[in-house]
N, C-alpha and C. Protein backbone atom coordinates (compact mmCIF):
# COMPACT_ATOMS: atom_id res chain seq x y z
N MET A 1 92.62 80.92 120.94
CA MET A 1 93.29 79.83 120.28
C MET A 1 92.32 78.67 120.15
N PHE A 2 92.38 77.98 119.03
CA PHE A 2 91.52 76.83 118.83
C PHE A 2 92.00 75.67 119.69
N TYR A 3 91.05 74.86 120.18
CA TYR A 3 91.41 73.76 121.05
C TYR A 3 92.16 72.66 120.32
N GLY A 4 91.97 72.52 119.03
CA GLY A 4 92.65 71.48 118.28
C GLY A 4 94.11 71.78 118.03
N ALA A 5 94.47 73.05 118.01
CA ALA A 5 95.84 73.44 117.72
C ALA A 5 96.69 73.28 118.98
N VAL A 6 97.70 72.42 118.90
CA VAL A 6 98.58 72.18 120.02
C VAL A 6 99.90 72.89 119.73
N VAL A 7 100.23 73.84 120.57
CA VAL A 7 101.45 74.60 120.40
C VAL A 7 102.26 74.45 121.68
N TRP A 8 103.52 74.09 121.54
CA TRP A 8 104.40 73.95 122.69
C TRP A 8 104.92 75.34 123.06
N ASP A 9 104.43 75.85 124.17
CA ASP A 9 104.83 77.17 124.63
C ASP A 9 105.27 77.07 126.09
N PRO A 10 106.56 76.83 126.33
CA PRO A 10 107.01 76.64 127.72
C PRO A 10 106.83 77.87 128.59
N TRP A 11 106.93 79.06 128.01
CA TRP A 11 106.73 80.28 128.80
C TRP A 11 105.29 80.40 129.28
N LEU A 12 104.35 79.98 128.48
CA LEU A 12 102.96 79.98 128.89
C LEU A 12 102.74 79.00 130.04
N ILE A 13 103.32 77.82 129.92
CA ILE A 13 103.16 76.80 130.96
C ILE A 13 103.78 77.27 132.27
N VAL A 14 104.98 77.81 132.21
CA VAL A 14 105.64 78.30 133.42
C VAL A 14 104.86 79.45 134.04
N SER A 15 104.35 80.35 133.22
CA SER A 15 103.58 81.46 133.78
C SER A 15 102.26 80.98 134.38
N GLN A 16 101.65 79.96 133.79
CA GLN A 16 100.43 79.40 134.38
C GLN A 16 100.73 78.74 135.72
N ILE A 17 101.85 78.03 135.81
CA ILE A 17 102.23 77.39 137.07
C ILE A 17 102.50 78.45 138.13
N VAL A 18 103.23 79.50 137.77
CA VAL A 18 103.54 80.56 138.74
C VAL A 18 102.26 81.27 139.20
N CYS A 19 101.39 81.59 138.27
CA CYS A 19 100.13 82.26 138.63
C CYS A 19 99.26 81.38 139.52
N LEU A 20 99.13 80.10 139.16
CA LEU A 20 98.32 79.19 139.96
C LEU A 20 98.92 79.02 141.36
N GLN A 21 100.24 78.91 141.45
CA GLN A 21 100.90 78.76 142.75
C GLN A 21 100.70 80.01 143.60
N CYS A 22 100.84 81.17 143.00
CA CYS A 22 100.65 82.42 143.76
C CYS A 22 99.21 82.57 144.24
N LEU A 23 98.26 82.28 143.38
CA LEU A 23 96.85 82.38 143.79
C LEU A 23 96.52 81.35 144.86
N TYR A 24 97.10 80.16 144.77
CA TYR A 24 96.88 79.13 145.78
C TYR A 24 97.40 79.60 147.14
N TYR A 25 98.62 80.13 147.17
CA TYR A 25 99.19 80.58 148.44
C TYR A 25 98.50 81.83 148.97
N LEU A 26 98.01 82.68 148.08
CA LEU A 26 97.23 83.82 148.52
C LEU A 26 95.95 83.36 149.21
N THR A 27 95.26 82.41 148.60
CA THR A 27 94.04 81.86 149.20
C THR A 27 94.34 81.11 150.49
N LEU A 28 95.40 80.31 150.48
CA LEU A 28 95.78 79.57 151.68
C LEU A 28 96.15 80.53 152.81
N GLY A 29 96.90 81.57 152.48
CA GLY A 29 97.29 82.55 153.50
C GLY A 29 96.11 83.30 154.07
N LEU A 30 95.20 83.74 153.20
CA LEU A 30 94.03 84.49 153.68
C LEU A 30 93.10 83.61 154.51
N SER A 31 92.85 82.40 154.04
CA SER A 31 91.96 81.52 154.81
C SER A 31 92.60 81.09 156.12
N THR A 32 93.91 80.89 156.13
CA THR A 32 94.60 80.56 157.38
C THR A 32 94.58 81.75 158.33
N ALA A 33 94.76 82.95 157.80
CA ALA A 33 94.72 84.14 158.65
C ALA A 33 93.34 84.32 159.28
N ILE A 34 92.30 84.00 158.52
CA ILE A 34 90.94 84.15 159.05
C ILE A 34 90.63 83.05 160.06
N LEU A 35 90.91 81.80 159.70
CA LEU A 35 90.53 80.68 160.56
C LEU A 35 91.49 80.47 161.74
N VAL A 36 92.78 80.54 161.48
CA VAL A 36 93.76 80.27 162.52
C VAL A 36 94.14 81.54 163.27
N GLY A 37 94.16 82.66 162.56
CA GLY A 37 94.57 83.92 163.18
C GLY A 37 93.74 84.34 164.37
N SER A 38 92.49 83.93 164.39
CA SER A 38 91.64 84.26 165.52
C SER A 38 91.90 83.34 166.72
N ARG A 39 92.64 82.26 166.53
CA ARG A 39 92.88 81.29 167.59
C ARG A 39 94.27 81.38 168.20
N VAL A 40 95.22 81.97 167.49
CA VAL A 40 96.60 82.04 167.99
C VAL A 40 97.00 83.48 168.22
N SER A 41 98.01 83.66 169.06
CA SER A 41 98.43 85.03 169.38
C SER A 41 99.31 85.62 168.29
N ARG A 42 100.02 84.78 167.55
CA ARG A 42 100.94 85.28 166.53
C ARG A 42 100.93 84.36 165.32
N MET A 43 100.60 84.90 164.16
CA MET A 43 100.61 84.12 162.92
C MET A 43 102.04 84.02 162.39
N SER A 44 102.34 82.89 161.79
CA SER A 44 103.65 82.70 161.16
C SER A 44 103.51 81.71 160.00
N LEU A 45 104.60 81.52 159.29
CA LEU A 45 104.61 80.57 158.18
C LEU A 45 104.50 79.13 158.66
N PHE A 46 104.66 78.93 159.95
CA PHE A 46 104.52 77.61 160.54
C PHE A 46 103.19 76.97 160.15
N TYR A 47 102.13 77.73 160.17
CA TYR A 47 100.79 77.21 159.89
C TYR A 47 100.57 76.91 158.41
N LEU A 48 101.42 77.43 157.54
CA LEU A 48 101.30 77.16 156.11
C LEU A 48 102.20 76.03 155.64
N PHE A 49 103.40 75.94 156.21
CA PHE A 49 104.41 75.05 155.64
C PHE A 49 104.94 73.97 156.56
N ASP A 50 104.61 73.97 157.83
CA ASP A 50 105.13 72.95 158.73
C ASP A 50 104.11 71.82 158.87
N TYR A 51 104.57 70.61 158.68
CA TYR A 51 103.67 69.46 158.73
C TYR A 51 103.07 69.23 160.11
N SER A 52 103.74 69.67 161.15
CA SER A 52 103.21 69.44 162.50
C SER A 52 102.02 70.34 162.82
N ALA A 53 101.77 71.37 162.02
CA ALA A 53 100.61 72.24 162.24
C ALA A 53 99.32 71.56 161.78
N VAL A 54 99.45 70.59 160.87
CA VAL A 54 98.29 69.86 160.37
C VAL A 54 98.00 68.73 161.37
N ASP A 55 97.11 69.02 162.31
CA ASP A 55 96.85 68.10 163.40
C ASP A 55 95.35 68.00 163.62
N ALA A 56 94.82 66.80 163.52
CA ALA A 56 93.37 66.63 163.65
C ALA A 56 92.91 66.55 165.10
N SER A 57 93.84 66.61 166.05
CA SER A 57 93.45 66.47 167.45
C SER A 57 93.29 67.80 168.17
N SER A 58 93.52 68.91 167.48
CA SER A 58 93.32 70.23 168.09
C SER A 58 92.45 71.09 167.18
N VAL A 59 91.82 72.08 167.77
CA VAL A 59 90.95 72.95 167.00
C VAL A 59 91.77 73.79 166.03
N THR A 60 92.94 74.23 166.46
CA THR A 60 93.80 75.01 165.56
C THR A 60 94.24 74.16 164.37
N GLY A 61 94.58 72.90 164.62
CA GLY A 61 94.95 72.00 163.54
C GLY A 61 93.80 71.74 162.58
N LEU A 62 92.60 71.63 163.11
CA LEU A 62 91.42 71.47 162.25
C LEU A 62 91.18 72.71 161.40
N CYS A 63 91.47 73.87 161.96
CA CYS A 63 91.35 75.11 161.16
C CYS A 63 92.40 75.14 160.05
N VAL A 64 93.60 74.64 160.32
CA VAL A 64 94.64 74.55 159.28
C VAL A 64 94.18 73.58 158.18
N ILE A 65 93.59 72.47 158.57
CA ILE A 65 93.08 71.49 157.60
C ILE A 65 91.97 72.12 156.76
N ALA A 66 91.06 72.83 157.41
CA ALA A 66 89.95 73.46 156.68
C ALA A 66 90.47 74.51 155.70
N SER A 67 91.47 75.28 156.10
CA SER A 67 92.01 76.29 155.19
C SER A 67 92.74 75.64 154.02
N SER A 68 93.39 74.51 154.25
CA SER A 68 94.06 73.79 153.15
C SER A 68 93.05 73.26 152.15
N LEU A 69 91.95 72.71 152.65
CA LEU A 69 90.93 72.18 151.74
C LEU A 69 90.18 73.30 151.03
N PHE A 70 89.99 74.43 151.71
CA PHE A 70 89.36 75.57 151.04
C PHE A 70 90.26 76.10 149.92
N ALA A 71 91.57 76.13 150.16
CA ALA A 71 92.51 76.58 149.12
C ALA A 71 92.49 75.63 147.93
N ALA A 72 92.29 74.32 148.18
CA ALA A 72 92.18 73.37 147.07
C ALA A 72 90.92 73.62 146.25
N LEU A 73 89.82 73.91 146.94
CA LEU A 73 88.58 74.23 146.22
C LEU A 73 88.74 75.50 145.39
N ALA A 74 89.35 76.50 145.98
CA ALA A 74 89.58 77.75 145.23
C ALA A 74 90.55 77.52 144.08
N GLY A 75 91.53 76.65 144.27
CA GLY A 75 92.48 76.34 143.20
C GLY A 75 91.80 75.74 141.99
N ALA A 76 90.76 74.93 142.23
CA ALA A 76 90.00 74.38 141.11
C ALA A 76 89.32 75.49 140.33
N GLY A 77 88.79 76.47 141.04
CA GLY A 77 88.19 77.62 140.36
C GLY A 77 89.21 78.44 139.60
N PHE A 78 90.41 78.58 140.16
CA PHE A 78 91.46 79.31 139.47
C PHE A 78 91.87 78.58 138.19
N MET A 79 91.90 77.25 138.23
CA MET A 79 92.27 76.48 137.04
C MET A 79 91.25 76.66 135.92
N LEU A 80 90.00 76.89 136.28
CA LEU A 80 88.98 77.11 135.26
C LEU A 80 89.34 78.31 134.39
N TYR A 81 89.92 79.34 134.99
CA TYR A 81 90.24 80.56 134.24
C TYR A 81 91.69 80.60 133.75
N LEU A 82 92.60 79.94 134.45
CA LEU A 82 94.01 79.99 134.04
C LEU A 82 94.38 78.87 133.06
N ILE A 83 93.90 77.68 133.32
CA ILE A 83 94.32 76.52 132.53
C ILE A 83 93.34 76.26 131.38
N GLU A 84 92.06 76.28 131.66
CA GLU A 84 90.97 76.20 130.68
C GLU A 84 90.84 74.86 129.97
N ARG A 85 91.65 73.89 130.24
CA ARG A 85 91.57 72.58 129.58
C ARG A 85 91.48 71.49 130.63
N ALA A 86 90.49 70.63 130.49
CA ALA A 86 90.26 69.57 131.48
C ALA A 86 91.42 68.58 131.55
N LYS A 87 92.02 68.29 130.41
CA LYS A 87 93.08 67.28 130.41
C LYS A 87 94.38 67.78 131.05
N LYS A 88 94.48 69.07 131.31
CA LYS A 88 95.68 69.61 131.94
C LYS A 88 95.53 69.82 133.45
N CYS A 89 94.33 69.64 133.97
CA CYS A 89 94.08 69.96 135.37
C CYS A 89 94.86 69.06 136.33
N LEU A 90 94.93 67.78 136.04
CA LEU A 90 95.68 66.87 136.91
C LEU A 90 97.16 67.23 136.91
N ASP A 91 97.71 67.57 135.76
CA ASP A 91 99.12 67.94 135.66
C ASP A 91 99.43 69.18 136.49
N PHE A 92 98.60 70.19 136.35
CA PHE A 92 98.85 71.43 137.08
C PHE A 92 98.60 71.26 138.58
N SER A 93 97.61 70.47 138.95
CA SER A 93 97.36 70.21 140.38
C SER A 93 98.53 69.47 141.01
N ALA A 94 99.00 68.44 140.32
CA ALA A 94 100.13 67.66 140.83
C ALA A 94 101.38 68.53 140.93
N THR A 95 101.61 69.37 139.94
CA THR A 95 102.76 70.26 139.97
C THR A 95 102.67 71.21 141.16
N LEU A 96 101.50 71.77 141.41
CA LEU A 96 101.30 72.68 142.54
C LEU A 96 101.63 71.98 143.85
N TYR A 97 101.12 70.77 144.05
CA TYR A 97 101.34 70.07 145.31
C TYR A 97 102.76 69.52 145.43
N ILE A 98 103.43 69.22 144.33
CA ILE A 98 104.84 68.81 144.40
C ILE A 98 105.70 70.00 144.81
N ILE A 99 105.43 71.17 144.25
CA ILE A 99 106.15 72.38 144.66
C ILE A 99 105.86 72.68 146.12
N HIS A 100 104.62 72.51 146.55
CA HIS A 100 104.27 72.72 147.96
C HIS A 100 105.03 71.73 148.86
N LEU A 101 105.15 70.49 148.42
CA LEU A 101 105.92 69.50 149.18
C LEU A 101 107.37 69.94 149.33
N PHE A 102 107.99 70.42 148.25
CA PHE A 102 109.38 70.87 148.33
C PHE A 102 109.53 72.06 149.28
N ILE A 103 108.59 72.99 149.22
CA ILE A 103 108.66 74.15 150.13
C ILE A 103 108.50 73.69 151.58
N CYS A 104 107.60 72.74 151.82
CA CYS A 104 107.42 72.21 153.17
C CYS A 104 108.65 71.48 153.66
N ILE A 105 109.34 70.75 152.77
CA ILE A 105 110.57 70.05 153.15
C ILE A 105 111.65 71.05 153.52
N VAL A 106 111.78 72.12 152.75
CA VAL A 106 112.78 73.15 153.05
C VAL A 106 112.46 73.85 154.37
N TYR A 107 111.18 74.10 154.62
CA TYR A 107 110.79 74.84 155.82
C TYR A 107 110.86 73.98 157.09
N GLY A 108 110.29 72.78 157.06
CA GLY A 108 110.17 72.03 158.31
C GLY A 108 110.65 70.59 158.24
N GLY A 109 111.30 70.18 157.17
CA GLY A 109 111.76 68.81 157.04
C GLY A 109 110.72 67.93 156.37
N TRP A 110 111.08 66.66 156.22
CA TRP A 110 110.21 65.69 155.56
C TRP A 110 108.93 65.52 156.36
N PRO A 111 107.77 65.67 155.73
CA PRO A 111 106.50 65.52 156.45
C PRO A 111 106.28 64.07 156.92
N SER A 112 106.43 63.86 158.21
CA SER A 112 106.28 62.51 158.76
C SER A 112 104.90 62.28 159.35
N SER A 113 104.03 63.28 159.25
CA SER A 113 102.68 63.17 159.79
C SER A 113 101.76 62.53 158.75
N PHE A 114 101.08 61.47 159.16
CA PHE A 114 100.12 60.82 158.26
C PHE A 114 98.99 61.77 157.91
N THR A 115 98.59 62.60 158.86
CA THR A 115 97.52 63.57 158.62
C THR A 115 97.90 64.55 157.52
N TRP A 116 99.15 64.99 157.51
CA TRP A 116 99.61 65.94 156.48
C TRP A 116 99.46 65.30 155.11
N TRP A 117 99.85 64.04 154.96
CA TRP A 117 99.77 63.35 153.67
C TRP A 117 98.32 63.16 153.25
N VAL A 118 97.44 62.83 154.18
CA VAL A 118 96.03 62.64 153.85
C VAL A 118 95.40 63.96 153.41
N VAL A 119 95.69 65.04 154.14
CA VAL A 119 95.10 66.34 153.81
C VAL A 119 95.59 66.82 152.45
N ASN A 120 96.88 66.71 152.18
CA ASN A 120 97.40 67.19 150.90
C ASN A 120 97.03 66.26 149.75
N GLY A 121 96.94 64.97 149.99
CA GLY A 121 96.45 64.05 148.96
C GLY A 121 95.00 64.32 148.62
N THR A 122 94.20 64.58 149.66
CA THR A 122 92.80 64.92 149.43
C THR A 122 92.68 66.25 148.70
N GLY A 123 93.50 67.22 149.08
CA GLY A 123 93.49 68.51 148.39
C GLY A 123 93.86 68.37 146.93
N LEU A 124 94.86 67.55 146.64
CA LEU A 124 95.25 67.29 145.25
C LEU A 124 94.10 66.65 144.47
N ALA A 125 93.47 65.65 145.08
CA ALA A 125 92.36 64.97 144.39
C ALA A 125 91.18 65.90 144.17
N VAL A 126 90.85 66.70 145.17
CA VAL A 126 89.73 67.64 145.05
C VAL A 126 90.01 68.68 143.99
N MET A 127 91.23 69.23 144.01
CA MET A 127 91.57 70.27 143.04
C MET A 127 91.56 69.72 141.62
N ALA A 128 92.13 68.54 141.42
CA ALA A 128 92.18 67.96 140.08
C ALA A 128 90.78 67.57 139.60
N TRP A 129 90.03 66.88 140.44
CA TRP A 129 88.70 66.42 140.03
C TRP A 129 87.74 67.59 139.79
N LEU A 130 87.68 68.51 140.72
CA LEU A 130 86.76 69.65 140.56
C LEU A 130 87.21 70.55 139.41
N GLY A 131 88.51 70.75 139.26
CA GLY A 131 89.00 71.54 138.14
C GLY A 131 88.65 70.91 136.80
N GLU A 132 88.82 69.59 136.70
CA GLU A 132 88.44 68.90 135.47
C GLU A 132 86.94 69.00 135.22
N TRP A 133 86.16 68.82 136.26
CA TRP A 133 84.71 68.88 136.11
C TRP A 133 84.27 70.27 135.64
N LEU A 134 84.83 71.31 136.24
CA LEU A 134 84.47 72.67 135.84
C LEU A 134 84.90 72.96 134.40
N CYS A 135 86.11 72.51 134.04
CA CYS A 135 86.59 72.75 132.68
C CYS A 135 85.79 71.95 131.65
N ILE A 136 85.41 70.73 131.99
CA ILE A 136 84.59 69.94 131.07
C ILE A 136 83.24 70.60 130.87
N ARG A 137 82.65 71.11 131.94
CA ARG A 137 81.37 71.80 131.79
C ARG A 137 81.50 73.00 130.86
N ARG A 138 82.60 73.72 130.96
CA ARG A 138 82.81 74.87 130.08
C ARG A 138 83.06 74.41 128.64
N GLU A 139 83.84 73.35 128.47
CA GLU A 139 84.15 72.87 127.12
C GLU A 139 82.92 72.31 126.41
N LEU A 140 81.97 71.77 127.16
CA LEU A 140 80.80 71.13 126.55
C LEU A 140 79.61 72.08 126.37
N ARG A 141 79.78 73.33 126.69
CA ARG A 141 78.67 74.27 126.48
C ARG A 141 78.40 74.42 124.98
N ASP A 142 77.15 74.64 124.68
CA ASP A 142 76.77 74.87 123.29
C ASP A 142 77.34 76.20 122.81
N ILE A 143 77.72 76.21 121.57
CA ILE A 143 78.20 77.44 120.95
C ILE A 143 77.00 78.14 120.33
N PRO A 144 76.68 79.34 120.78
CA PRO A 144 75.51 80.02 120.22
C PRO A 144 75.83 80.51 118.81
N ILE A 145 75.05 80.02 117.86
CA ILE A 145 75.26 80.42 116.48
C ILE A 145 74.12 81.30 115.94
N SER A 146 73.09 81.51 116.73
CA SER A 146 71.96 82.29 116.25
C SER A 146 72.36 83.74 115.95
N ARG A 147 73.28 84.27 116.70
CA ARG A 147 73.67 85.65 116.45
C ARG A 147 74.64 85.76 115.27
N LEU A 148 75.18 84.63 114.82
CA LEU A 148 76.09 84.65 113.69
C LEU A 148 75.37 84.53 112.35
N ARG A 149 74.14 84.00 112.37
CA ARG A 149 73.39 83.86 111.13
C ARG A 149 72.81 85.20 110.69
N ALA A 150 72.74 85.35 109.39
CA ALA A 150 72.13 86.57 108.84
C ALA A 150 70.61 86.47 109.01
N ASN A 151 69.98 87.58 109.17
CA ASN A 151 68.52 87.59 109.28
C ASN A 151 67.90 87.15 107.97
N VAL A 152 67.01 86.19 108.05
CA VAL A 152 66.39 85.65 106.84
C VAL A 152 65.01 86.24 106.65
């Protein structure tokens, strides 16, 4: 599709949100299993969705923070291939983290930890900024036309 043509396709937007959310949680789950799973006797959804697990005063909490930030970095890479437009990266990042906030509220209540807000705000900023930067780099690449010209 040409970049100038704007078509309102809600099914495309919803499918992009669902795919990005699933890939984010897959990355978050795998990185949490690797970093936190070696430190605790039993893994649970507590480490993904409970705000009290995000704690900078313990090694396990630091591993949860590291896995959250790694998932944000990976999310920026996913946006490069799923979203493909720099101007949409902030919207999709914010949507992902708002959905994550709602899931966290349902799982463990309102996040009252300042650390949780800082980590997720930083993750949102990193995902949006890096996603935009990657998409802009792709959008600004030169279009090779030498192979399109006839041999002279």
